[in-house]
Amino acid sequence: RYWAWCPELDVSSEGKTTEDARDNLREAVQCHIETMIEQG
């Protein structure tokens, strides 16, 4: 498996390929940011 990590937000994700891990991380980061903004 491949693990992707965004150090600025300390968010990580994984996938079967580097592309999967990167795409999954993009989605996780987007959700993390949206949640932070929604929560003020």
Full PDB file with SEQRES, HELIX, SHEET, SSBOND, CRYST1, ORIGX, SCALE, CONECT and MASTER records, all heavy atoms in Angstrom:
SEQRES   1 A   40  ARG TYR TRP ALA TRP CYS PRO GLU LEU ASP VAL SER SER          
SEQRES   2 A   40  GLU GLY LYS THR THR GLU ASP ALA ARG ASP ASN LEU ARG          
SEQRES   3 A   40  GLU ALA VAL GLN CYS HIS ILE GLU THR MET ILE GLU GLN          
SEQRES   4 A   40  GLY                                                          
HELIX    1 AA1 THR A   18  GLU A   38  1                                  21    
SHEET    1 AA1 2 TYR A   2  CYS A   6  0                                        
SHEET    2 AA1 2 VAL A  11  GLY A  15 -1                                        
CRYST1    1.000    1.000    1.000  90.00  90.00  90.00 P 1           1          
ORIGX1      1.000000  0.000000  0.000000        0.00000                         
ORIGX2      0.000000  1.000000  0.000000        0.00000                         
ORIGX3      0.000000  0.000000  1.000000        0.00000                         
SCALE1      1.000000  0.000000  0.000000        0.00000                         
SCALE2      0.000000  1.000000  0.000000        0.00000                         
SCALE3      0.000000  0.000000  1.000000        0.00000                         
ATOM      1  N   ARG A   1       0.841  -1.201   0.000  1.00  0.00           N  
ATOM      2  CA  ARG A   1       0.000   0.000   0.000  1.00  0.00           C  
ATOM      3  C   ARG A   1       0.876   1.251   0.000  1.00  0.00           C  
ATOM      4  O   ARG A   1       2.031   1.213   0.423  1.00  0.00           O  
ATOM      5  CB  ARG A   1      -0.917   0.042   1.234  1.00  0.00           C  
ATOM      6  CG  ARG A   1      -1.793  -1.158   1.458  1.00  0.00           C  
ATOM      7  CD  ARG A   1      -2.844  -1.319   0.435  1.00  0.00           C  
ATOM      8  NE  ARG A   1      -3.900  -0.334   0.625  1.00  0.00           N  
ATOM      9  CZ  ARG A   1      -5.026  -0.342  -0.084  1.00  0.00           C  
ATOM     10  NH1 ARG A   1      -5.229  -1.245  -1.007  1.00  0.00           N  
ATOM     11  NH2 ARG A   1      -5.941   0.566   0.126  1.00  0.00           N  
ATOM     12  N   TYR A   2       0.311   2.340  -0.446  1.00  0.00           N  
ATOM     13  CA  TYR A   2       0.983   3.640  -0.435  1.00  0.00           C  
ATOM     14  C   TYR A   2       0.245   4.568   0.516  1.00  0.00           C  
ATOM     15  O   TYR A   2      -0.975   4.613   0.529  1.00  0.00           O  
ATOM     16  CB  TYR A   2       1.000   4.254  -1.840  1.00  0.00           C  
ATOM     17  CG  TYR A   2       1.904   3.509  -2.782  1.00  0.00           C  
ATOM     18  CD1 TYR A   2       1.425   2.420  -3.494  1.00  0.00           C  
ATOM     19  CD2 TYR A   2       3.235   3.869  -2.939  1.00  0.00           C  
ATOM     20  CE1 TYR A   2       2.244   1.716  -4.360  1.00  0.00           C  
ATOM     21  CE2 TYR A   2       4.071   3.173  -3.803  1.00  0.00           C  
ATOM     22  CZ  TYR A   2       3.561   2.105  -4.504  1.00  0.00           C  
ATOM     23  OH  TYR A   2       4.386   1.411  -5.348  1.00  0.00           O  
ATOM     24  N   TRP A   3       1.009   5.309   1.311  1.00  0.00           N  
ATOM     25  CA  TRP A   3       0.453   6.261   2.269  1.00  0.00           C  
ATOM     26  C   TRP A   3       0.829   7.666   1.838  1.00  0.00           C  
ATOM     27  O   TRP A   3       1.976   7.935   1.516  1.00  0.00           O  
ATOM     28  CB  TRP A   3       0.996   5.983   3.674  1.00  0.00           C  
ATOM     29  CG  TRP A   3       0.446   4.720   4.221  1.00  0.00           C  
ATOM     30  CD1 TRP A   3       0.968   3.467   4.069  1.00  0.00           C  
ATOM     31  CD2 TRP A   3      -0.758   4.559   4.950  1.00  0.00           C  
ATOM     32  NE1 TRP A   3       0.156   2.548   4.669  1.00  0.00           N  
ATOM     33  CE2 TRP A   3      -0.910   3.183   5.218  1.00  0.00           C  
ATOM     34  CE3 TRP A   3      -1.721   5.442   5.402  1.00  0.00           C  
ATOM     35  CZ2 TRP A   3      -1.990   2.682   5.923  1.00  0.00           C  
ATOM     36  CZ3 TRP A   3      -2.801   4.935   6.109  1.00  0.00           C  
ATOM     37  CH2 TRP A   3      -2.920   3.563   6.361  1.00  0.00           C  
ATOM     38  N   ALA A   4      -0.136   8.551   1.818  1.00  0.00           N  
ATOM     39  CA  ALA A   4       0.097   9.948   1.475  1.00  0.00           C  
ATOM     40  C   ALA A   4      -0.211  10.796   2.704  1.00  0.00           C  
ATOM     41  O   ALA A   4      -1.153  10.516   3.434  1.00  0.00           O  
ATOM     42  CB  ALA A   4      -0.797  10.358   0.303  1.00  0.00           C  
ATOM     43  N   TRP A   5       0.592  11.845   2.907  1.00  0.00           N  
ATOM     44  CA  TRP A   5       0.470  12.679   4.099  1.00  0.00           C  
ATOM     45  C   TRP A   5       0.637  14.138   3.715  1.00  0.00           C  
ATOM     46  O   TRP A   5       1.515  14.494   2.924  1.00  0.00           O  
ATOM     47  CB  TRP A   5       1.536  12.263   5.099  1.00  0.00           C  
ATOM     48  CG  TRP A   5       1.606  13.081   6.343  1.00  0.00           C  
ATOM     49  CD1 TRP A   5       0.592  13.313   7.231  1.00  0.00           C  
ATOM     50  CD2 TRP A   5       2.752  13.755   6.870  1.00  0.00           C  
ATOM     51  NE1 TRP A   5       1.044  14.097   8.272  1.00  0.00           N  
ATOM     52  CE2 TRP A   5       2.365  14.372   8.069  1.00  0.00           C  
ATOM     53  CE3 TRP A   5       4.063  13.873   6.437  1.00  0.00           C  
ATOM     54  CZ2 TRP A   5       3.237  15.112   8.839  1.00  0.00           C  
ATOM     55  CZ3 TRP A   5       4.943  14.616   7.199  1.00  0.00           C  
ATOM     56  CH2 TRP A   5       4.528  15.229   8.398  1.00  0.00           C  
ATOM     57  N   CYS A   6      -0.210  14.994   4.269  1.00  0.00           N  
ATOM     58  CA  CYS A   6      -0.117  16.446   4.131  1.00  0.00           C  
ATOM     59  C   CYS A   6       0.355  16.997   5.478  1.00  0.00           C  
ATOM     60  O   CYS A   6      -0.428  17.035   6.434  1.00  0.00           O  
ATOM     61  CB  CYS A   6      -1.481  17.029   3.758  1.00  0.00           C  
ATOM     62  SG  CYS A   6      -1.512  18.824   3.796  1.00  0.00           S  
ATOM     63  N   PRO A   7       1.640  17.367   5.591  1.00  0.00           N  
ATOM     64  CA  PRO A   7       2.167  17.791   6.893  1.00  0.00           C  
ATOM     65  C   PRO A   7       1.557  19.071   7.443  1.00  0.00           C  
ATOM     66  O   PRO A   7       1.441  19.212   8.659  1.00  0.00           O  
ATOM     67  CB  PRO A   7       3.666  17.966   6.634  1.00  0.00           C  
ATOM     68  CG  PRO A   7       3.809  18.071   5.166  1.00  0.00           C  
ATOM     69  CD  PRO A   7       2.655  17.362   4.548  1.00  0.00           C  
ATOM     70  N   GLU A   8       1.147  20.008   6.589  1.00  0.00           N  
ATOM     71  CA  GLU A   8       0.575  21.261   7.093  1.00  0.00           C  
ATOM     72  C   GLU A   8      -0.663  21.005   7.940  1.00  0.00           C  
ATOM     73  O   GLU A   8      -0.881  21.675   8.943  1.00  0.00           O  
ATOM     74  CB  GLU A   8       0.179  22.206   5.944  1.00  0.00           C  
ATOM     75  CG  GLU A   8       1.335  22.802   5.190  1.00  0.00           C  
ATOM     76  CD  GLU A   8       1.719  21.977   3.966  1.00  0.00           C  
ATOM     77  OE1 GLU A   8       1.252  20.826   3.822  1.00  0.00           O  
ATOM     78  OE2 GLU A   8       2.475  22.477   3.142  1.00  0.00           O  
ATOM     79  N   LEU A   9      -1.482  20.045   7.528  1.00  0.00           N  
ATOM     80  CA  LEU A   9      -2.731  19.760   8.237  1.00  0.00           C  
ATOM     81  C   LEU A   9      -2.681  18.452   9.007  1.00  0.00           C  
ATOM     82  O   LEU A   9      -3.636  18.102   9.688  1.00  0.00           O  
ATOM     83  CB  LEU A   9      -3.899  19.738   7.250  1.00  0.00           C  
ATOM     84  CG  LEU A   9      -4.132  21.042   6.506  1.00  0.00           C  
ATOM     85  CD1 LEU A   9      -5.199  20.860   5.433  1.00  0.00           C  
ATOM     86  CD2 LEU A   9      -4.513  22.143   7.468  1.00  0.00           C  
ATOM     87  N   ASP A  10      -1.585  17.726   8.895  1.00  0.00           N  
ATOM     88  CA  ASP A  10      -1.423  16.413   9.519  1.00  0.00           C  
ATOM     89  C   ASP A  10      -2.603  15.497   9.163  1.00  0.00           C  
ATOM     90  O   ASP A  10      -3.221  14.879  10.023  1.00  0.00           O  
ATOM     91  CB  ASP A  10      -1.258  16.526  11.029  1.00  0.00           C  
ATOM     92  CG  ASP A  10      -0.706  15.231  11.637  1.00  0.00           C  
ATOM     93  OD1 ASP A  10      -0.058  14.455  10.910  1.00  0.00           O  
ATOM     94  OD2 ASP A  10      -0.936  14.996  12.843  1.00  0.00           O  
ATOM     95  N   VAL A  11      -2.885  15.431   7.871  1.00  0.00           N  
ATOM     96  CA  VAL A  11      -3.943  14.575   7.337  1.00  0.00           C  
ATOM     97  C   VAL A  11      -3.268  13.539   6.451  1.00  0.00           C  
ATOM     98  O   VAL A  11      -2.350  13.861   5.695  1.00  0.00           O  
ATOM     99  CB  VAL A  11      -4.963  15.396   6.511  1.00  0.00           C  
ATOM    100  CG1 VAL A  11      -5.973  14.496   5.833  1.00  0.00           C  
ATOM    101  CG2 VAL A  11      -5.663  16.404   7.399  1.00  0.00           C  
ATOM    102  N   SER A  12      -3.714  12.293   6.556  1.00  0.00           N  
ATOM    103  CA  SER A  12      -3.125  11.244   5.730  1.00  0.00           C  
ATOM    104  C   SER A  12      -4.208  10.351   5.150  1.00  0.00           C  
ATOM    105  O   SER A  12      -5.355  10.350   5.596  1.00  0.00           O  
ATOM    106  CB  SER A  12      -2.130  10.410   6.539  1.00  0.00           C  
ATOM    107  OG  SER A  12      -2.783   9.766   7.600  1.00  0.00           O  
ATOM    108  N   SER A  13      -3.805   9.596   4.133  1.00  0.00           N  
ATOM    109  CA  SER A  13      -4.689   8.642   3.492  1.00  0.00           C  
ATOM    110  C   SER A  13      -3.833   7.585   2.835  1.00  0.00           C  
ATOM    111  O   SER A  13      -2.602   7.677   2.845  1.00  0.00           O  
ATOM    112  CB  SER A  13      -5.573   9.350   2.466  1.00  0.00           C  
ATOM    113  OG  SER A  13      -6.603   8.484   2.045  1.00  0.00           O  
ATOM    114  N   GLU A  14      -4.479   6.578   2.252  1.00  0.00           N  
ATOM    115  CA  GLU A  14      -3.707   5.514   1.614  1.00  0.00           C  
ATOM    116  C   GLU A  14      -4.406   5.032   0.355  1.00  0.00           C  
ATOM    117  O   GLU A  14      -5.529   5.417   0.079  1.00  0.00           O  
ATOM    118  CB  GLU A  14      -3.467   4.361   2.595  1.00  0.00           C  
ATOM    119  CG  GLU A  14      -4.728   3.785   3.228  1.00  0.00           C  
ATOM    120  CD  GLU A  14      -5.367   2.683   2.421  1.00  0.00           C  
ATOM    121  OE1 GLU A  14      -4.658   1.940   1.730  1.00  0.00           O  
ATOM    122  OE2 GLU A  14      -6.597   2.574   2.451  1.00  0.00           O  
ATOM    123  N   GLY A  15      -3.696   4.206  -0.406  1.00  0.00           N  
ATOM    124  CA  GLY A  15      -4.266   3.650  -1.624  1.00  0.00           C  
ATOM    125  C   GLY A  15      -3.393   2.532  -2.165  1.00  0.00           C  
ATOM    126  O   GLY A  15      -2.276   2.311  -1.694  1.00  0.00           O  
ATOM    127  N   LYS A  16      -3.902   1.848  -3.182  1.00  0.00           N  
ATOM    128  CA  LYS A  16      -3.165   0.740  -3.792  1.00  0.00           C  
ATOM    129  C   LYS A  16      -2.001   1.237  -4.649  1.00  0.00           C  
ATOM    130  O   LYS A  16      -1.020   0.530  -4.828  1.00  0.00           O  
ATOM    131  CB  LYS A  16      -4.098  -0.101  -4.662  1.00  0.00           C  
ATOM    132  CG  LYS A  16      -5.113  -0.877  -3.885  1.00  0.00           C  
ATOM    133  CD  LYS A  16      -5.996  -1.693  -4.812  1.00  0.00           C  
ATOM    134  CE  LYS A  16      -7.047  -2.446  -4.012  1.00  0.00           C  
ATOM    135  NZ  LYS A  16      -7.933  -3.227  -4.892  1.00  0.00           N  
ATOM    136  N   THR A  17      -2.142   2.454  -5.205  1.00  0.00           N  
ATOM    137  CA  THR A  17      -1.094   3.060  -6.028  1.00  0.00           C  
ATOM    138  C   THR A  17      -0.783   4.441  -5.483  1.00  0.00           C  
ATOM    139  O   THR A  17      -1.528   4.983  -4.670  1.00  0.00           O  
ATOM    140  CB  THR A  17      -1.551   3.200  -7.498  1.00  0.00           C  
ATOM    141  OG1 THR A  17      -2.629   4.148  -7.547  1.00  0.00           O  
ATOM    142  CG2 THR A  17      -1.998   1.862  -8.080  1.00  0.00           C  
ATOM    143  N   THR A  18       0.303   5.035  -5.961  1.00  0.00           N  
ATOM    144  CA  THR A  18       0.625   6.393  -5.528  1.00  0.00           C  
ATOM    145  C   THR A  18      -0.481   7.361  -5.943  1.00  0.00           C  
ATOM    146  O   THR A  18      -0.821   8.267  -5.192  1.00  0.00           O  
ATOM    147  CB  THR A  18       1.972   6.870  -6.103  1.00  0.00           C  
ATOM    148  OG1 THR A  18       1.947   6.777  -7.529  1.00  0.00           O  
ATOM    149  CG2 THR A  18       3.124   6.053  -5.556  1.00  0.00           C  
ATOM    150  N   GLU A  19      -1.054   7.145  -7.119  1.00  0.00           N  
ATOM    151  CA  GLU A  19      -2.128   8.007  -7.595  1.00  0.00           C  
ATOM    152  C   GLU A  19      -3.374   7.875  -6.708  1.00  0.00           C  
ATOM    153  O   GLU A  19      -4.020   8.877  -6.384  1.00  0.00           O  
ATOM    154  CB  GLU A  19      -2.488   7.694  -9.047  1.00  0.00           C  
ATOM    155  CG  GLU A  19      -1.394   8.029 -10.040  1.00  0.00           C  
ATOM    156  CD  GLU A  19      -0.289   6.978 -10.115  1.00  0.00           C  
ATOM    157  OE1 GLU A  19      -0.471   5.833  -9.615  1.00  0.00           O  
ATOM    158  OE2 GLU A  19       0.781   7.298 -10.647  1.00  0.00           O  
ATOM    159  N   ASP A  20      -3.710   6.635  -6.329  1.00  0.00           N  
ATOM    160  CA  ASP A  20      -4.850   6.420  -5.428  1.00  0.00           C  
ATOM    161  C   ASP A  20      -4.620   7.123  -4.096  1.00  0.00           C  
ATOM    162  O   ASP A  20      -5.520   7.783  -3.561  1.00  0.00           O  
ATOM    163  CB  ASP A  20      -5.073   4.927  -5.154  1.00  0.00           C  
ATOM    164  CG  ASP A  20      -5.670   4.179  -6.318  1.00  0.00           C  
ATOM    165  OD1 ASP A  20      -6.216   4.820  -7.231  1.00  0.00           O  
ATOM    166  OD2 ASP A  20      -5.592   2.931  -6.292  1.00  0.00           O  
ATOM    167  N   ALA A  21      -3.424   6.964  -3.543  1.00  0.00           N  
ATOM    168  CA  ALA A  21      -3.107   7.583  -2.256  1.00  0.00           C  
ATOM    169  C   ALA A  21      -3.207   9.104  -2.358  1.00  0.00           C  
ATOM    170  O   ALA A  21      -3.763   9.761  -1.479  1.00  0.00           O  
ATOM    171  CB  ALA A  21      -1.712   7.162  -1.796  1.00  0.00           C  
ATOM    172  N   ARG A  22      -2.689   9.649  -3.438  1.00  0.00           N  
ATOM    173  CA  ARG A  22      -2.733  11.101  -3.651  1.00  0.00           C  
ATOM    174  C   ARG A  22      -4.175  11.586  -3.811  1.00  0.00           C  
ATOM    175  O   ARG A  22      -4.576  12.575  -3.211  1.00  0.00           O  
ATOM    176  CB  ARG A  22      -1.906  11.438  -4.893  1.00  0.00           C  
ATOM    177  CG  ARG A  22      -1.781  12.884  -5.191  1.00  0.00           C  
ATOM    178  CD  ARG A  22      -1.014  13.048  -6.504  1.00  0.00           C  
ATOM    179  NE  ARG A  22      -0.881  14.433  -6.833  1.00  0.00           N  
ATOM    180  CZ  ARG A  22       0.266  15.081  -6.909  1.00  0.00           C  
ATOM    181  NH1 ARG A  22       1.390  14.453  -6.684  1.00  0.00           N  
ATOM    182  NH2 ARG A  22       0.281  16.346  -7.229  1.00  0.00           N  
ATOM    183  N   ASP A  23      -4.971  10.885  -4.615  1.00  0.00           N  
ATOM    184  CA  ASP A  23      -6.371  11.268  -4.811  1.00  0.00           C  
ATOM    185  C   ASP A  23      -7.164  11.169  -3.510  1.00  0.00           C  
ATOM    186  O   ASP A  23      -7.975  12.042  -3.192  1.00  0.00           O  
ATOM    187  CB  ASP A  23      -7.029  10.392  -5.880  1.00  0.00           C  
ATOM    188  CG  ASP A  23      -6.502  10.679  -7.277  1.00  0.00           C  
ATOM    189  OD1 ASP A  23      -5.841  11.720  -7.482  1.00  0.00           O  
ATOM    190  OD2 ASP A  23      -6.739   9.836  -8.170  1.00  0.00           O  
ATOM    191  N   ASN A  24      -6.926  10.094  -2.750  1.00  0.00           N  
ATOM    192  CA  ASN A  24      -7.618   9.911  -1.470  1.00  0.00           C  
ATOM    193  C   ASN A  24      -7.213  11.001  -0.478  1.00  0.00           C  
ATOM    194  O   ASN A  24      -8.038  11.489   0.292  1.00  0.00           O  
ATOM    195  CB  ASN A  24      -7.349   8.522  -0.900  1.00  0.00           C  
ATOM    196  CG  ASN A  24      -7.973   7.426  -1.730  1.00  0.00           C  
ATOM    197  OD1 ASN A  24      -8.900   7.661  -2.513  1.00  0.00           O  
ATOM    198  ND2 ASN A  24      -7.468   6.213  -1.592  1.00  0.00           N  
ATOM    199  N   LEU A  25      -5.937  11.388  -0.510  1.00  0.00           N  
ATOM    200  CA  LEU A  25      -5.475  12.461   0.373  1.00  0.00           C  
ATOM    201  C   LEU A  25      -6.126  13.781  -0.017  1.00  0.00           C  
ATOM    202  O   LEU A  25      -6.547  14.547   0.852  1.00  0.00           O  
ATOM    203  CB  LEU A  25      -3.955  12.592   0.330  1.00  0.00           C  
ATOM    204  CG  LEU A  25      -3.381  13.704   1.207  1.00  0.00           C  
ATOM    205  CD1 LEU A  25      -3.700  13.438   2.683  1.00  0.00           C  
ATOM    206  CD2 LEU A  25      -1.897  13.849   0.994  1.00  0.00           C  
ATOM    207  N   ARG A  26      -6.212  14.055  -1.305  1.00  0.00           N  
ATOM    208  CA  ARG A  26      -6.851  15.295  -1.759  1.00  0.00           C  
ATOM    209  C   ARG A  26      -8.272  15.380  -1.205  1.00  0.00           C  
ATOM    210  O   ARG A  26      -8.693  16.412  -0.685  1.00  0.00           O  
ATOM    211  CB  ARG A  26      -6.869  15.355  -3.287  1.00  0.00           C  
ATOM    212  CG  ARG A  26      -7.464  16.654  -3.817  1.00  0.00           C  
ATOM    213  CD  ARG A  26      -7.462  16.719  -5.335  1.00  0.00           C  
ATOM    214  NE  ARG A  26      -6.100  16.802  -5.842  1.00  0.00           N  
ATOM    215  CZ  ARG A  26      -5.512  15.845  -6.574  1.00  0.00           C  
ATOM    216  NH1 ARG A  26      -6.155  14.745  -6.890  1.00  0.00           N  
ATOM    217  NH2 ARG A  26      -4.280  16.010  -6.995  1.00  0.00           N  
ATOM    218  N   GLU A  27      -9.000  14.274  -1.291  1.00  0.00           N  
ATOM    219  CA  GLU A  27     -10.376  14.245  -0.779  1.00  0.00           C  
ATOM    220  C   GLU A  27     -10.412  14.430   0.737  1.00  0.00           C  
ATOM    221  O   GLU A  27     -11.230  15.179   1.266  1.00  0.00           O  
ATOM    222  CB  GLU A  27     -11.042  12.921  -1.163  1.00  0.00           C  
ATOM    223  CG  GLU A  27     -12.494  12.850  -0.793  1.00  0.00           C  
ATOM    224  CD  GLU A  27     -13.149  11.560  -1.260  1.00  0.00           C  
ATOM    225  OE1 GLU A  27     -12.771  11.049  -2.321  1.00  0.00           O  
ATOM    226  OE2 GLU A  27     -14.030  11.074  -0.537  1.00  0.00           O  
ATOM    227  N   ALA A  28      -9.498  13.757   1.442  1.00  0.00           N  
ATOM    228  CA  ALA A  28      -9.451  13.866   2.903  1.00  0.00           C  
ATOM    229  C   ALA A  28      -9.109  15.295   3.336  1.00  0.00           C  
ATOM    230  O   ALA A  28      -9.704  15.830   4.278  1.00  0.00           O  
ATOM    231  CB  ALA A  28      -8.435  12.881   3.478  1.00  0.00           C  
ATOM    232  N   VAL A  29      -8.165  15.926   2.639  1.00  0.00           N  
ATOM    233  CA  VAL A  29      -7.778  17.296   2.968  1.00  0.00           C  
ATOM    234  C   VAL A  29      -8.940  18.243   2.697  1.00  0.00           C  
ATOM    235  O   VAL A  29      -9.231  19.134   3.502  1.00  0.00           O  
ATOM    236  CB  VAL A  29      -6.514  17.716   2.176  1.00  0.00           C  
ATOM    237  CG1 VAL A  29      -6.321  19.218   2.198  1.00  0.00           C  
ATOM    238  CG2 VAL A  29      -5.285  17.018   2.741  1.00  0.00           C  
ATOM    239  N   GLN A  30      -9.605  18.055   1.579  1.00  0.00           N  
ATOM    240  CA  GLN A  30     -10.746  18.908   1.253  1.00  0.00           C  
ATOM    241  C   GLN A  30     -11.829  18.797   2.322  1.00  0.00           C  
ATOM    242  O   GLN A  30     -12.361  19.807   2.788  1.00  0.00           O  
ATOM    243  CB  GLN A  30     -11.310  18.534  -0.116  1.00  0.00           C  
ATOM    244  CG  GLN A  30     -12.332  19.508  -0.615  1.00  0.00           C  
ATOM    245  CD  GLN A  30     -12.692  19.267  -2.075  1.00  0.00           C  
ATOM    246  OE1 GLN A  30     -12.057  18.488  -2.769  1.00  0.00           O  
ATOM    247  NE2 GLN A  30     -13.717  19.936  -2.529  1.00  0.00           N  
ATOM    248  N   CYS A  31     -12.131  17.581   2.757  1.00  0.00           N  
ATOM    249  CA  CYS A  31     -13.130  17.383   3.822  1.00  0.00           C  
ATOM    250  C   CYS A  31     -12.672  18.024   5.126  1.00  0.00           C  
ATOM    251  O   CYS A  31     -13.462  18.657   5.834  1.00  0.00           O  
ATOM    252  CB  CYS A  31     -13.395  15.893   4.032  1.00  0.00           C  
ATOM    253  SG  CYS A  31     -14.325  15.126   2.705  1.00  0.00           S  
ATOM    254  N   HIS A  32     -11.388  17.878   5.445  1.00  0.00           N  
ATOM    255  CA  HIS A  32     -10.826  18.446   6.665  1.00  0.00           C  
ATOM    256  C   HIS A  32     -10.966  19.974   6.651  1.00  0.00           C  
ATOM    257  O   HIS A  32     -11.410  20.582   7.635  1.00  0.00           O  
ATOM    258  CB  HIS A  32      -9.357  18.035   6.782  1.00  0.00           C  
ATOM    259  CG  HIS A  32      -8.685  18.514   8.018  1.00  0.00           C  
ATOM    260  ND1 HIS A  32      -8.856  17.912   9.242  1.00  0.00           N  
ATOM    261  CD2 HIS A  32      -7.841  19.558   8.225  1.00  0.00           C  
ATOM    262  CE1 HIS A  32      -8.140  18.564  10.155  1.00  0.00           C  
ATOM    263  NE2 HIS A  32      -7.523  19.556   9.563  1.00  0.00           N  
ATOM    264  N   ILE A  33     -10.611  20.588   5.536  1.00  0.00           N  
ATOM    265  CA  ILE A  33     -10.695  22.047   5.410  1.00  0.00           C  
ATOM    266  C   ILE A  33     -12.137  22.511   5.499  1.00  0.00           C  
ATOM    267  O   ILE A  33     -12.462  23.464   6.220  1.00  0.00           O  
ATOM    268  CB  ILE A  33     -10.035  22.514   4.100  1.00  0.00           C  
ATOM    269  CG1 ILE A  33      -8.516  22.354   4.205  1.00  0.00           C  
ATOM    270  CG2 ILE A  33     -10.410  23.958   3.776  1.00  0.00           C  
ATOM    271  CD1 ILE A  33      -7.774  22.574   2.906  1.00  0.00           C  
ATOM    272  N   GLU A  34     -13.031  21.854   4.763  1.00  0.00           N  
ATOM    273  CA  GLU A  34     -14.449  22.226   4.792  1.00  0.00           C  
ATOM    274  C   GLU A  34     -15.017  22.124   6.206  1.00  0.00           C  
ATOM    275  O   GLU A  34     -15.763  22.997   6.643  1.00  0.00           O  
ATOM    276  CB  GLU A  34     -15.247  21.340   3.833  1.00  0.00           C  
ATOM    277  CG  GLU A  34     -14.989  21.646   2.374  1.00  0.00           C  
ATOM    278  CD  GLU A  34     -15.608  20.644   1.422  1.00  0.00           C  
ATOM    279  OE1 GLU A  34     -16.257  19.667   1.883  1.00  0.00           O  
ATOM    280  OE2 GLU A  34     -15.434  20.813   0.206  1.00  0.00           O  
ATOM    281  N   THR A  35     -14.646  21.072   6.925  1.00  0.00           N  
ATOM    282  CA  THR A  35     -15.131  20.883   8.296  1.00  0.00           C  
ATOM    283  C   THR A  35     -14.617  21.993   9.206  1.00  0.00           C  
ATOM    284  O   THR A  35     -15.376  22.551  10.008  1.00  0.00           O  
ATOM    285  CB  THR A  35     -14.712  19.503   8.835  1.00  0.00           C  
ATOM    286  OG1 THR A  35     -15.288  18.497   7.999  1.00  0.00           O  
ATOM    287  CG2 THR A  35     -15.163  19.305  10.269  1.00  0.00           C  
ATOM    288  N   MET A  36     -13.324  22.338   9.079  1.00  0.00           N  
ATOM    289  CA  MET A  36     -12.771  23.408   9.909  1.00  0.00           C  
ATOM    290  C   MET A  36     -13.496  24.725   9.649  1.00  0.00           C  
ATOM    291  O   MET A  36     -13.829  25.451  10.586  1.00  0.00           O  
ATOM    292  CB  MET A  36     -11.268  23.562   9.656  1.00  0.00           C  
ATOM    293  CG  MET A  36     -10.439  22.430  10.244  1.00  0.00           C  
ATOM    294  SD  MET A  36      -8.670  22.755  10.131  1.00  0.00           S  
ATOM    295  CE  MET A  36      -8.485  23.941  11.481  1.00  0.00           C  
ATOM    296  N   ILE A  37     -13.754  25.028   8.377  1.00  0.00           N  
ATOM    297  CA  ILE A  37     -14.431  26.279   8.034  1.00  0.00           C  
ATOM    298  C   ILE A  37     -15.862  26.266   8.559  1.00  0.00           C  
ATOM    299  O   ILE A  37     -16.325  27.239   9.156  1.00  0.00           O  
ATOM    300  CB  ILE A  37     -14.378  26.526   6.516  1.00  0.00           C  
ATOM    301  CG1 ILE A  37     -12.929  26.820   6.096  1.00  0.00           C  
ATOM    302  CG2 ILE A  37     -15.301  27.676   6.112  1.00  0.00           C  
ATOM    303  CD1 ILE A  37     -12.694  26.858   4.601  1.00  0.00           C  
ATOM    304  N   GLU A  38     -16.572  25.152   8.379  1.00  0.00           N  
ATOM    305  CA  GLU A  38     -17.956  25.037   8.862  1.00  0.00           C  
ATOM    306  C   GLU A  38     -18.036  25.189  10.371  1.00  0.00           C  
ATOM    307  O   GLU A  38     -19.012  25.718  10.898  1.00  0.00           O  
ATOM    308  CB  GLU A  38     -18.549  23.683   8.448  1.00  0.00           C  
ATOM    309  CG  GLU A  38     -18.877  23.580   6.971  1.00  0.00           C  
ATOM    310  CD  GLU A  38     -19.245  22.167   6.537  1.00  0.00           C  
ATOM    311  OE1 GLU A  38     -19.325  21.251   7.400  1.00  0.00           O  
ATOM    312  OE2 GLU A  38     -19.425  21.971   5.329  1.00  0.00           O  
ATOM    313  N   GLN A  39     -17.012  24.717  11.087  1.00  0.00           N  
ATOM    314  CA  GLN A  39     -17.012  24.795  12.543  1.00  0.00           C  
ATOM    315  C   GLN A  39     -16.480  26.133  13.062  1.00  0.00           C  
ATOM    316  O   GLN A  39     -16.327  26.319  14.268  1.00  0.00           O  
ATOM    317  CB  GLN A  39     -16.186  23.646  13.127  1.00  0.00           C  
ATOM    318  CG  GLN A  39     -16.812  22.299  12.883  1.00  0.00           C  
ATOM    319  CD  GLN A  39     -15.961  21.150  13.418  1.00  0.00           C  
ATOM    320  OE1 GLN A  39     -14.788  21.316  13.755  1.00  0.00           O  
ATOM    321  NE2 GLN A  39     -16.551  19.980  13.486  1.00  0.00           N  
ATOM    322  N   GLY A  40     -16.179  27.044  12.145  1.00  0.00           N  
ATOM    323  CA  GLY A  40     -15.712  28.364  12.558  1.00  0.00           C  
ATOM    324  C   GLY A  40     -14.256  28.412  12.957  1.00  0.00           C  
ATOM    325  O   GLY A  40     -13.837  29.303  13.688  1.00  0.00           O  
TER     326      GLY A  40                                                      
MASTER        0    0    0    1    2    0    0    6  325    1    0    4          
END                                                                             
